[in-house]
Amino acid sequence: MAAAVTLTAQRISVTVYEAGPVLGGRARRVDIDGVMLDNGLHILIGAYRETLRLIAKVHPKPADALLRLPLDWHVHEHLHLRAPKLPAPLHLAAALLTVKGASLGESWRAVSMMRSLQATRFKLSQDTTVTALLQTHAQGPVLTQHLWKPLCVSALNTPPDRASAQLFANVLRDGLNADRAGSDLLIARTDLSALFPEPAVKYVRARGGEVHTSRRVTAFAPCASGFQITTGSNTETFTHVICALPPHQVTAFLTGISELAKTTAMIDALAYQPITSVYLQFDGSVRLPSPMIGLAGGFSHWLFDREAICCQPGLIGAVISAEGPHLELTQDELAARVHDELASKFGPLPPLKWRRVITEKRATFSATHGLRRPPQQTPLKNFWLAGDYTTSDYPATLEAAVRSGIVCAQGILNDPGAL
């Protein structure tokens, strides 16, 4: 949809095919008995400039669509870091030096690490793991356990002992160092489909584009005039294709096309990490100390107060990123564990009406160090790849997905012989 909006803004005719009934891919709406949830609990940060720009472009009330919170990293009973109203990077230095839960010595070492990364413009001489990066900069146990490692798992969805230190440094560069607003946390007040994809559909259609849901592409083939795209019994020809399938599905379409053999091999080499979201609906109000709060020592990584965020009384969301022992439990067992964690920290609780566990087994690629990712432009003329797994400064995030679509659209627009 980012590609479609970018192209139609320049009056280029586009057709979008979406296999499912709801737009958004791995960030889409799920309807549970009339309660609008998301298939995964996602947040944005102020540094997601392209995502926020496109939301502002297509959403009728962008200012009301997101809850913006200044940097407030709160791991319950362990750590509380809050950024004061200072320009970057002073706001981060001040936050680290006044963090509650860590010693002044640890805070100074954290500031020193950030200053060292700033000196190299956050460019590492060689990629390594996040764990190795933290050890190189002598990070203390409290900040390692309750700031750096949870930040790594949240942003890269990959355990620190395998995660790319360079991608992590990029997140620190843009999320904590670039400017004051870049570190803000933004949580959607509505479901994610309504946040961007659905307003984008109206924008595209208003400019002559077509968007079809529940239309699965069943065949794709290059031809003399471009590409033949088959959806069910219908076949159409297009001059350009932007393929936005998830990586674990895309290679089935590319296999057998000689120009794309190396691209296919690169995608096949990707590994994946899950994200699990647990929703607990109580028969009565449940309020947390803040709209988003972290837990340590259990299964839940972050809890979201959906009543405070989007006026859904009694609804709590919990997110568990990456692999872990939670995957060995049944859905009912995991939901019960999350309920018990919530009760032990913030109880007593009202009666539970229902619970829902959603696990995206291939939520993101595994952002390991030294990973090679395919570029958006492929060796097959006029065939582009869009997705958070393609080449980017970012791990698999909403911003990476949006930027990939924009790169594809701009590549088409900048080709003088393309249109």
Protein backbone atom coordinates (compact mmCIF):
# COMPACT_ATOMS: atom_id res chain seq x y z
CA MET A 1 0.00 0.00 0.00
CA ALA A 2 2.97 2.33 0.55
CA ALA A 3 4.02 1.68 -3.04
CA ALA A 4 0.47 2.15 -4.33
CA VAL A 5 0.04 5.48 -2.52
CA THR A 6 3.41 6.72 -3.79
CA LEU A 7 2.58 5.81 -7.39
CA THR A 8 -0.99 7.10 -7.43
CA ALA A 9 0.18 10.37 -5.91
CA GLN A 10 1.95 10.81 -9.27
CA ARG A 11 -1.19 9.76 -11.18
CA ILE A 12 0.21 6.35 -12.10
CA SER A 13 -2.49 3.71 -12.50
CA VAL A 14 -2.06 0.76 -10.15
CA THR A 15 -3.89 -2.46 -9.30
CA VAL A 16 -3.42 -4.09 -5.91
CA TYR A 17 -4.29 -7.73 -5.25
CA GLU A 18 -4.65 -8.84 -1.61
CA ALA A 19 -5.23 -12.52 -0.95
CA GLY A 20 -6.98 -12.01 2.38
CA PRO A 21 -10.20 -10.21 3.21
CA VAL A 22 -8.42 -7.65 5.43
CA LEU A 23 -5.51 -5.46 4.40
CA GLY A 24 -2.37 -5.19 6.48
CA GLY A 25 -0.53 -8.50 6.15
CA ARG A 26 1.17 -9.32 9.45
CA ALA A 27 -0.16 -6.04 10.89
CA ARG A 28 -3.88 -6.42 10.29
CA ARG A 29 -7.20 -6.30 12.13
CA VAL A 30 -8.69 -9.37 13.81
CA ASP A 31 -12.35 -9.31 14.83
CA ILE A 32 -13.11 -11.26 18.02
CA ASP A 33 -16.85 -11.18 18.69
CA GLY A 34 -17.04 -7.56 17.60
CA VAL A 35 -13.88 -6.50 19.44
CA MET A 36 -11.29 -5.15 17.01
CA LEU A 37 -7.81 -6.46 17.79
CA ASP A 38 -4.60 -6.86 15.80
CA ASN A 39 -2.93 -10.11 14.82
CA GLY A 40 0.16 -8.73 16.55
CA LEU A 41 0.76 -5.95 19.07
CA HIS A 42 2.91 -3.40 17.25
CA ILE A 43 4.22 0.00 18.25
CA LEU A 44 5.81 2.74 16.21
CA ILE A 45 8.50 5.19 17.21
CA GLY A 46 8.90 8.81 16.23
CA ALA A 47 11.79 7.84 13.97
CA TYR A 48 9.40 6.00 11.63
CA ARG A 49 9.26 9.07 9.44
CA GLU A 50 8.02 7.49 6.21
CA THR A 51 5.29 5.51 7.95
CA LEU A 52 4.12 8.61 9.81
CA ARG A 53 4.32 10.71 6.65
CA LEU A 54 2.08 8.31 4.73
CA ILE A 55 -0.37 8.00 7.62
CA ALA A 56 -0.62 11.79 7.66
CA LYS A 57 -1.12 11.76 3.88
CA VAL A 58 -4.04 9.32 3.78
CA HIS A 59 -5.64 9.24 7.23
CA PRO A 60 -8.56 11.65 7.76
CA LYS A 61 -7.52 12.36 11.38
CA PRO A 62 -3.85 11.40 11.75
CA ALA A 63 -3.38 13.34 14.99
CA ASP A 64 -6.11 11.24 16.65
CA ALA A 65 -4.90 7.92 15.25
CA LEU A 66 -1.84 7.49 17.46
CA LEU A 67 -1.12 7.85 21.16
CA ARG A 68 2.28 9.57 21.39
CA LEU A 69 4.29 8.96 24.54
CA PRO A 70 7.67 10.55 25.29
CA LEU A 71 10.38 7.94 25.90
CA ASP A 72 9.36 6.19 29.11
CA TRP A 73 10.97 2.75 29.43
CA HIS A 74 9.37 1.11 32.46
CA VAL A 75 10.12 -2.49 33.41
CA HIS A 76 7.93 -3.08 36.44
CA GLU A 77 9.85 -3.35 39.73
CA HIS A 78 13.21 -3.30 37.95
CA LEU A 79 13.96 -0.23 35.85
CA HIS A 80 12.43 3.11 34.95
CA LEU A 81 14.04 5.37 32.36
CA ARG A 82 12.31 8.60 31.40
CA ALA A 83 13.62 11.20 28.96
CA PRO A 84 13.41 14.84 30.04
CA LYS A 85 12.43 17.64 27.66
CA LEU A 86 15.90 18.24 26.26
CA PRO A 87 17.18 18.14 22.66
CA ALA A 88 18.76 14.92 21.41
CA PRO A 89 21.13 13.41 22.32
CA LEU A 90 21.12 15.24 25.66
CA HIS A 91 17.69 13.83 26.50
CA LEU A 92 19.06 10.28 26.31
CA ALA A 93 22.19 11.06 28.32
CA ALA A 94 20.08 12.67 31.01
CA ALA A 95 17.65 9.74 30.98
CA LEU A 96 20.50 7.22 31.37
CA LEU A 97 22.13 9.19 34.17
CA THR A 98 18.88 9.48 36.12
CA VAL A 99 17.52 5.99 35.46
CA LYS A 100 15.89 4.35 38.46
CA GLY A 101 17.17 0.85 39.20
CA ALA A 102 20.74 1.03 37.92
CA SER A 103 23.89 2.33 39.58
CA LEU A 104 25.56 5.53 38.50
CA GLY A 105 28.52 3.48 37.27
CA GLU A 106 26.29 1.48 34.94
CA SER A 107 24.67 4.67 33.73
CA TRP A 108 28.03 6.24 32.90
CA ARG A 109 29.07 3.14 30.93
CA ALA A 110 25.81 3.32 28.98
CA VAL A 111 26.41 6.99 28.17
CA SER A 112 29.98 6.11 27.17
CA MET A 113 28.72 3.41 24.77
CA MET A 114 26.34 5.84 23.13
CA ARG A 115 29.09 8.47 22.79
CA SER A 116 31.40 5.88 21.24
CA LEU A 117 28.73 4.91 18.71
CA GLN A 118 28.04 8.57 17.97
CA ALA A 119 31.74 9.09 17.22
CA THR A 120 31.56 6.48 14.45
CA ARG A 121 28.12 7.67 13.25
CA PHE A 122 26.81 4.33 14.49
CA LYS A 123 28.72 2.47 11.80
CA LEU A 124 30.53 -0.61 13.11
CA SER A 125 33.82 -1.67 11.56
CA GLN A 126 32.41 -5.21 11.38
CA ASP A 127 29.04 -6.64 12.24
CA THR A 128 28.87 -8.80 15.33
CA THR A 129 26.21 -9.86 17.83
CA VAL A 130 24.41 -7.49 20.17
CA THR A 131 25.74 -9.49 23.11
CA ALA A 132 29.31 -8.98 21.88
CA LEU A 133 28.68 -5.25 21.37
CA LEU A 134 27.42 -4.88 24.94
CA GLN A 135 30.39 -6.80 26.30
CA THR A 136 32.83 -4.68 24.30
CA HIS A 137 31.38 -1.58 25.95
CA ALA A 138 31.30 -3.18 29.41
CA GLN A 139 27.59 -2.73 29.95
CA GLY A 140 26.41 -3.54 33.46
CA PRO A 141 24.01 -6.36 34.38
CA VAL A 142 20.96 -4.23 35.20
CA LEU A 143 20.90 -2.15 32.04
CA THR A 144 21.89 -5.18 29.95
CA GLN A 145 19.05 -7.25 31.39
CA HIS A 146 16.32 -4.60 31.53
CA LEU A 147 17.18 -2.09 28.79
CA TRP A 148 19.55 -3.23 26.05
CA LYS A 149 18.46 -6.86 25.71
CA PRO A 150 14.71 -6.14 25.84
CA LEU A 151 15.23 -3.31 23.34
CA CYS A 152 17.07 -5.71 21.05
CA VAL A 153 14.36 -8.36 21.27
CA SER A 154 11.58 -5.80 20.81
CA ALA A 155 13.19 -4.06 17.81
CA LEU A 156 14.98 -6.95 16.07
CA ASN A 157 12.78 -9.84 17.29
CA THR A 158 15.98 -11.88 17.59
CA PRO A 159 17.87 -13.08 20.71
CA PRO A 160 20.86 -10.80 21.47
CA ASP A 161 23.42 -13.59 21.20
CA ARG A 162 22.55 -13.90 17.50
CA ALA A 163 21.13 -10.47 16.64
CA SER A 164 22.98 -8.06 14.36
CA ALA A 165 24.82 -5.36 16.29
CA GLN A 166 24.79 -3.13 13.20
CA LEU A 167 21.00 -3.26 12.90
CA PHE A 168 20.78 -2.61 16.63
CA ALA A 169 23.11 0.38 16.26
CA ASN A 170 20.88 1.70 13.47
CA VAL A 171 17.88 1.50 15.79
CA LEU A 172 19.81 3.40 18.47
CA ARG A 173 20.94 5.96 15.89
CA ASP A 174 17.48 6.84 14.62
CA GLY A 175 15.36 5.99 17.63
CA LEU A 176 17.41 7.46 20.46
CA ASN A 177 20.00 9.76 18.93
CA ALA A 178 18.57 11.54 15.89
CA ASP A 179 16.16 14.01 17.52
CA ARG A 180 13.94 14.34 20.55
CA ALA A 181 10.73 13.25 18.83
CA GLY A 182 12.44 10.23 17.25
CA SER A 183 12.46 8.43 20.59
CA ASP A 184 8.74 8.92 21.21
CA LEU A 185 6.63 5.77 21.39
CA LEU A 186 3.48 5.77 19.27
CA ILE A 187 0.69 3.27 19.84
CA ALA A 188 -2.25 2.98 17.46
CA ARG A 189 -5.57 4.07 18.99
CA THR A 190 -7.35 1.95 16.41
CA ASP A 191 -6.64 -1.37 14.76
CA LEU A 192 -3.68 -1.43 12.38
CA SER A 193 -5.74 -2.00 9.24
CA ALA A 194 -7.69 1.17 9.99
CA LEU A 195 -4.49 3.06 10.81
CA PHE A 196 -2.99 3.00 7.30
CA PRO A 197 -3.98 0.28 4.78
CA GLU A 198 -7.70 1.08 4.66
CA PRO A 199 -7.31 4.88 4.40
CA ALA A 200 -4.67 4.16 1.76
CA VAL A 201 -7.25 2.19 -0.23
CA LYS A 202 -9.54 5.24 -0.34
CA TYR A 203 -6.61 7.41 -1.40
CA VAL A 204 -5.62 5.02 -4.20
CA ARG A 205 -9.17 4.51 -5.48
CA ALA A 206 -9.84 8.25 -5.47
CA ARG A 207 -6.94 8.60 -7.93
CA GLY A 208 -8.05 5.89 -10.32
CA GLY A 209 -6.28 2.90 -8.77
CA GLU A 210 -7.87 -0.47 -8.04
CA VAL A 211 -7.58 -2.49 -4.83
CA HIS A 212 -8.99 -6.01 -4.69
CA THR A 213 -9.26 -8.01 -1.47
CA SER A 214 -9.83 -11.78 -1.32
CA ARG A 215 -8.08 -12.02 -4.70
CA ARG A 216 -5.16 -14.40 -4.49
CA VAL A 217 -2.57 -14.30 -7.25
CA THR A 218 -2.34 -17.90 -8.44
CA ALA A 219 0.16 -17.51 -11.28
CA PHE A 220 2.79 -15.04 -12.44
CA ALA A 221 4.72 -15.16 -15.71
CA PRO A 222 6.89 -12.72 -17.68
CA CYS A 223 5.64 -12.01 -21.18
CA ALA A 224 6.57 -9.79 -24.14
CA SER A 225 4.61 -6.80 -22.86
CA GLY A 226 5.44 -7.22 -19.19
CA PHE A 227 3.88 -9.74 -16.85
CA GLN A 228 0.78 -11.89 -16.85
CA ILE A 229 -0.92 -12.04 -13.46
CA THR A 230 -3.58 -14.66 -12.88
CA THR A 231 -6.12 -14.45 -10.06
CA GLY A 232 -8.50 -17.39 -10.19
CA SER A 233 -9.93 -17.56 -13.71
CA ASN A 234 -8.86 -14.01 -14.58
CA THR A 235 -5.54 -13.11 -16.25
CA GLU A 236 -4.32 -9.55 -16.79
CA THR A 237 -1.14 -8.06 -18.21
CA PHE A 238 0.88 -5.35 -16.44
CA THR A 239 4.05 -3.50 -17.37
CA HIS A 240 5.51 -3.68 -13.84
CA VAL A 241 5.08 -5.87 -10.80
CA ILE A 242 5.82 -5.10 -7.16
CA CYS A 243 5.68 -8.39 -5.28
CA ALA A 244 4.85 -7.86 -1.60
CA LEU A 245 4.39 -11.47 -0.56
CA PRO A 246 6.04 -12.55 2.71
CA PRO A 247 9.45 -14.12 2.07
CA HIS A 248 8.43 -17.66 3.00
CA GLN A 249 5.79 -17.52 0.23
CA VAL A 250 7.49 -15.49 -2.46
CA THR A 251 9.97 -18.08 -3.70
CA ALA A 252 7.17 -20.34 -4.94
CA PHE A 253 6.44 -17.64 -7.53
CA LEU A 254 10.08 -17.00 -8.43
CA THR A 255 11.31 -20.57 -8.80
CA GLY A 256 12.18 -21.41 -12.40
CA ILE A 257 12.89 -17.83 -13.49
CA SER A 258 16.60 -17.87 -14.30
CA GLU A 259 17.10 -14.12 -13.73
CA LEU A 260 15.86 -14.53 -10.16
CA ALA A 261 17.85 -17.64 -9.16
CA LYS A 262 20.27 -15.74 -6.91
CA THR A 263 17.46 -13.68 -5.40
CA THR A 264 15.50 -16.85 -4.66
CA ALA A 265 18.53 -18.48 -3.02
CA MET A 266 19.04 -15.41 -0.80
CA ILE A 267 15.42 -15.47 0.34
CA ASP A 268 15.51 -19.23 0.93
CA ALA A 269 18.45 -18.71 3.30
CA LEU A 270 16.40 -16.53 5.65
CA ALA A 271 15.39 -17.92 9.04
CA TYR A 272 12.38 -16.69 10.98
CA GLN A 273 11.27 -15.68 14.46
CA PRO A 274 7.76 -15.70 15.97
CA ILE A 275 5.78 -13.06 17.82
CA THR A 276 3.00 -14.09 20.21
CA SER A 277 0.20 -11.77 21.32
CA VAL A 278 -2.07 -12.67 24.24
CA TYR A 279 -5.33 -10.81 24.76
CA LEU A 280 -7.22 -11.02 28.06
CA GLN A 281 -10.73 -9.56 28.22
CA PHE A 282 -11.96 -8.96 31.76
CA ASP A 283 -15.49 -8.32 32.97
CA GLY A 284 -14.57 -4.97 34.47
CA SER A 285 -11.91 -2.29 34.22
CA VAL A 286 -8.23 -3.24 34.54
CA ARG A 287 -5.78 -0.36 34.57
CA LEU A 288 -1.99 -0.55 34.41
CA PRO A 289 0.42 2.07 35.79
CA SER A 290 1.09 3.22 32.22
CA PRO A 291 -0.34 2.41 28.77
CA MET A 292 2.68 0.18 28.05
CA ILE A 293 4.76 -1.50 30.75
CA GLY A 294 7.40 -4.20 30.71
CA LEU A 295 7.65 -7.31 32.87
CA ALA A 296 10.74 -9.33 33.68
CA GLY A 297 11.27 -12.88 34.89
CA GLY A 298 8.16 -14.41 33.33
CA PHE A 299 6.64 -15.04 29.93
CA SER A 300 5.18 -11.59 29.19
CA HIS A 301 7.58 -9.02 27.74
CA TRP A 302 5.25 -6.02 27.46
CA LEU A 303 1.71 -5.35 28.61
CA PHE A 304 -0.65 -2.90 26.90
CA ASP A 305 -3.56 -1.20 28.64
CA ARG A 306 -6.09 -1.19 25.80
CA GLU A 307 -8.56 0.85 27.85
CA ALA A 308 -6.05 3.69 28.13
CA ILE A 309 -4.90 3.37 24.53
CA CYS A 310 -8.08 2.83 22.55
CA CYS A 311 -11.02 2.83 24.96
CA GLN A 312 -11.48 -0.96 25.15
CA PRO A 313 -12.42 -1.42 28.84
CA GLY A 314 -11.00 -4.43 30.63
CA LEU A 315 -8.79 -5.52 27.72
CA ILE A 316 -5.11 -6.20 28.32
CA GLY A 317 -2.69 -7.20 25.58
CA ALA A 318 0.62 -8.96 26.20
CA VAL A 319 3.36 -9.43 23.64
CA ILE A 320 6.13 -12.04 23.68
CA SER A 321 8.80 -11.50 21.05
CA ALA A 322 11.11 -14.06 19.45
CA GLU A 323 11.57 -17.70 20.36
CA GLY A 324 11.48 -18.99 23.92
CA PRO A 325 9.98 -21.51 26.33
CA HIS A 326 6.51 -20.05 25.82
CA LEU A 327 6.36 -21.89 22.49
CA GLU A 328 6.32 -25.21 24.38
CA LEU A 329 2.99 -24.35 26.02
CA THR A 330 -0.50 -24.76 24.60
CA GLN A 331 -2.46 -21.59 23.95
CA ASP A 332 -4.60 -22.16 27.03
CA GLU A 333 -1.54 -22.80 29.20
CA LEU A 334 0.21 -19.66 27.95
CA ALA A 335 -2.88 -17.49 28.43
CA ALA A 336 -3.22 -18.83 31.98
CA ARG A 337 0.45 -18.02 32.72
CA VAL A 338 0.06 -14.47 31.41
CA HIS A 339 -3.11 -14.07 33.48
CA ASP A 340 -1.26 -15.23 36.60
CA GLU A 341 1.62 -12.80 35.92
CA LEU A 342 -0.83 -9.94 35.54
CA ALA A 343 -2.64 -10.91 38.74
CA SER A 344 0.58 -11.24 40.74
CA LYS A 345 1.78 -7.76 39.72
CA PHE A 346 -1.43 -5.75 39.40
CA GLY A 347 -4.22 -7.85 40.95
CA PRO A 348 -6.82 -8.51 42.15
CA LEU A 349 -8.52 -8.78 38.77
CA PRO A 350 -12.16 -8.95 37.65
CA PRO A 351 -13.47 -12.24 36.25
CA LEU A 352 -12.01 -13.20 32.88
CA LYS A 353 -14.57 -13.21 30.04
CA TRP A 354 -12.33 -14.58 27.28
CA ARG A 355 -8.74 -14.92 26.15
CA ARG A 356 -7.11 -15.18 22.77
CA VAL A 357 -3.56 -16.16 21.79
CA ILE A 358 -2.25 -15.26 18.33
CA THR A 359 1.15 -16.55 17.26
CA GLU A 360 2.71 -15.48 13.99
CA LYS A 361 5.26 -18.26 13.56
CA ARG A 362 7.12 -16.35 10.84
CA ALA A 363 6.44 -12.85 12.13
CA THR A 364 9.86 -11.56 11.06
CA PHE A 365 13.09 -12.78 9.57
CA SER A 366 15.77 -13.58 12.11
CA ALA A 367 17.95 -10.45 12.15
CA THR A 368 21.25 -12.26 12.65
CA HIS A 369 24.65 -10.63 12.29
CA GLY A 370 26.16 -10.69 8.80
CA LEU A 371 22.79 -11.38 7.18
CA ARG A 372 22.42 -10.70 3.45
CA ARG A 373 19.02 -9.37 2.37
CA PRO A 374 17.73 -9.12 -1.21
CA PRO A 375 17.46 -5.66 -2.81
CA GLN A 376 14.10 -4.29 -3.90
CA GLN A 377 15.18 -4.06 -7.53
CA THR A 378 15.68 -7.52 -9.01
CA PRO A 379 17.64 -8.64 -12.09
CA LEU A 380 14.31 -9.29 -13.81
CA LYS A 381 13.43 -6.05 -15.57
CA ASN A 382 10.46 -4.18 -14.07
CA PHE A 383 10.00 -6.76 -11.30
CA TRP A 384 10.44 -5.44 -7.76
CA LEU A 385 10.31 -6.94 -4.27
CA ALA A 386 8.69 -5.10 -1.36
CA GLY A 387 8.75 -6.27 2.23
CA ASP A 388 10.47 -5.76 5.55
CA TYR A 389 12.91 -8.55 4.66
CA THR A 390 14.45 -6.64 1.73
CA THR A 391 17.57 -4.48 1.99
CA SER A 392 17.18 -1.83 4.67
CA ASP A 393 18.91 -0.09 7.55
CA TYR A 394 16.13 -1.44 9.74
CA PRO A 395 15.14 -4.87 11.01
CA ALA A 396 11.70 -6.27 10.18
CA THR A 397 9.51 -3.36 11.24
CA LEU A 398 6.55 -1.43 9.89
CA GLU A 399 8.98 1.29 8.81
CA ALA A 400 11.15 -1.19 6.89
CA ALA A 401 8.07 -2.48 5.07
CA VAL A 402 6.85 1.01 4.20
CA ARG A 403 10.28 2.14 3.01
CA SER A 404 10.64 -0.91 0.79
CA GLY A 405 7.39 -0.05 -0.97
CA ILE A 406 8.49 3.54 -1.46
CA VAL A 407 11.83 2.40 -2.90
CA CYS A 408 9.99 0.23 -5.43
CA ALA A 409 7.63 3.03 -6.43
CA GLN A 410 10.42 5.60 -6.73
CA GLY A 411 12.47 3.18 -8.81
CA ILE A 412 9.61 2.90 -11.27
CA LEU A 413 9.01 6.64 -11.31
CA ASN A 414 12.71 7.39 -11.86
CA ASP A 415 13.07 5.04 -14.82
CA PRO A 416 12.65 7.28 -17.90
CA GLY A 417 11.76 4.34 -20.12
CA ALA A 418 9.42 2.68 -17.68
CA LEU A 419 6.17 4.59 -18.10
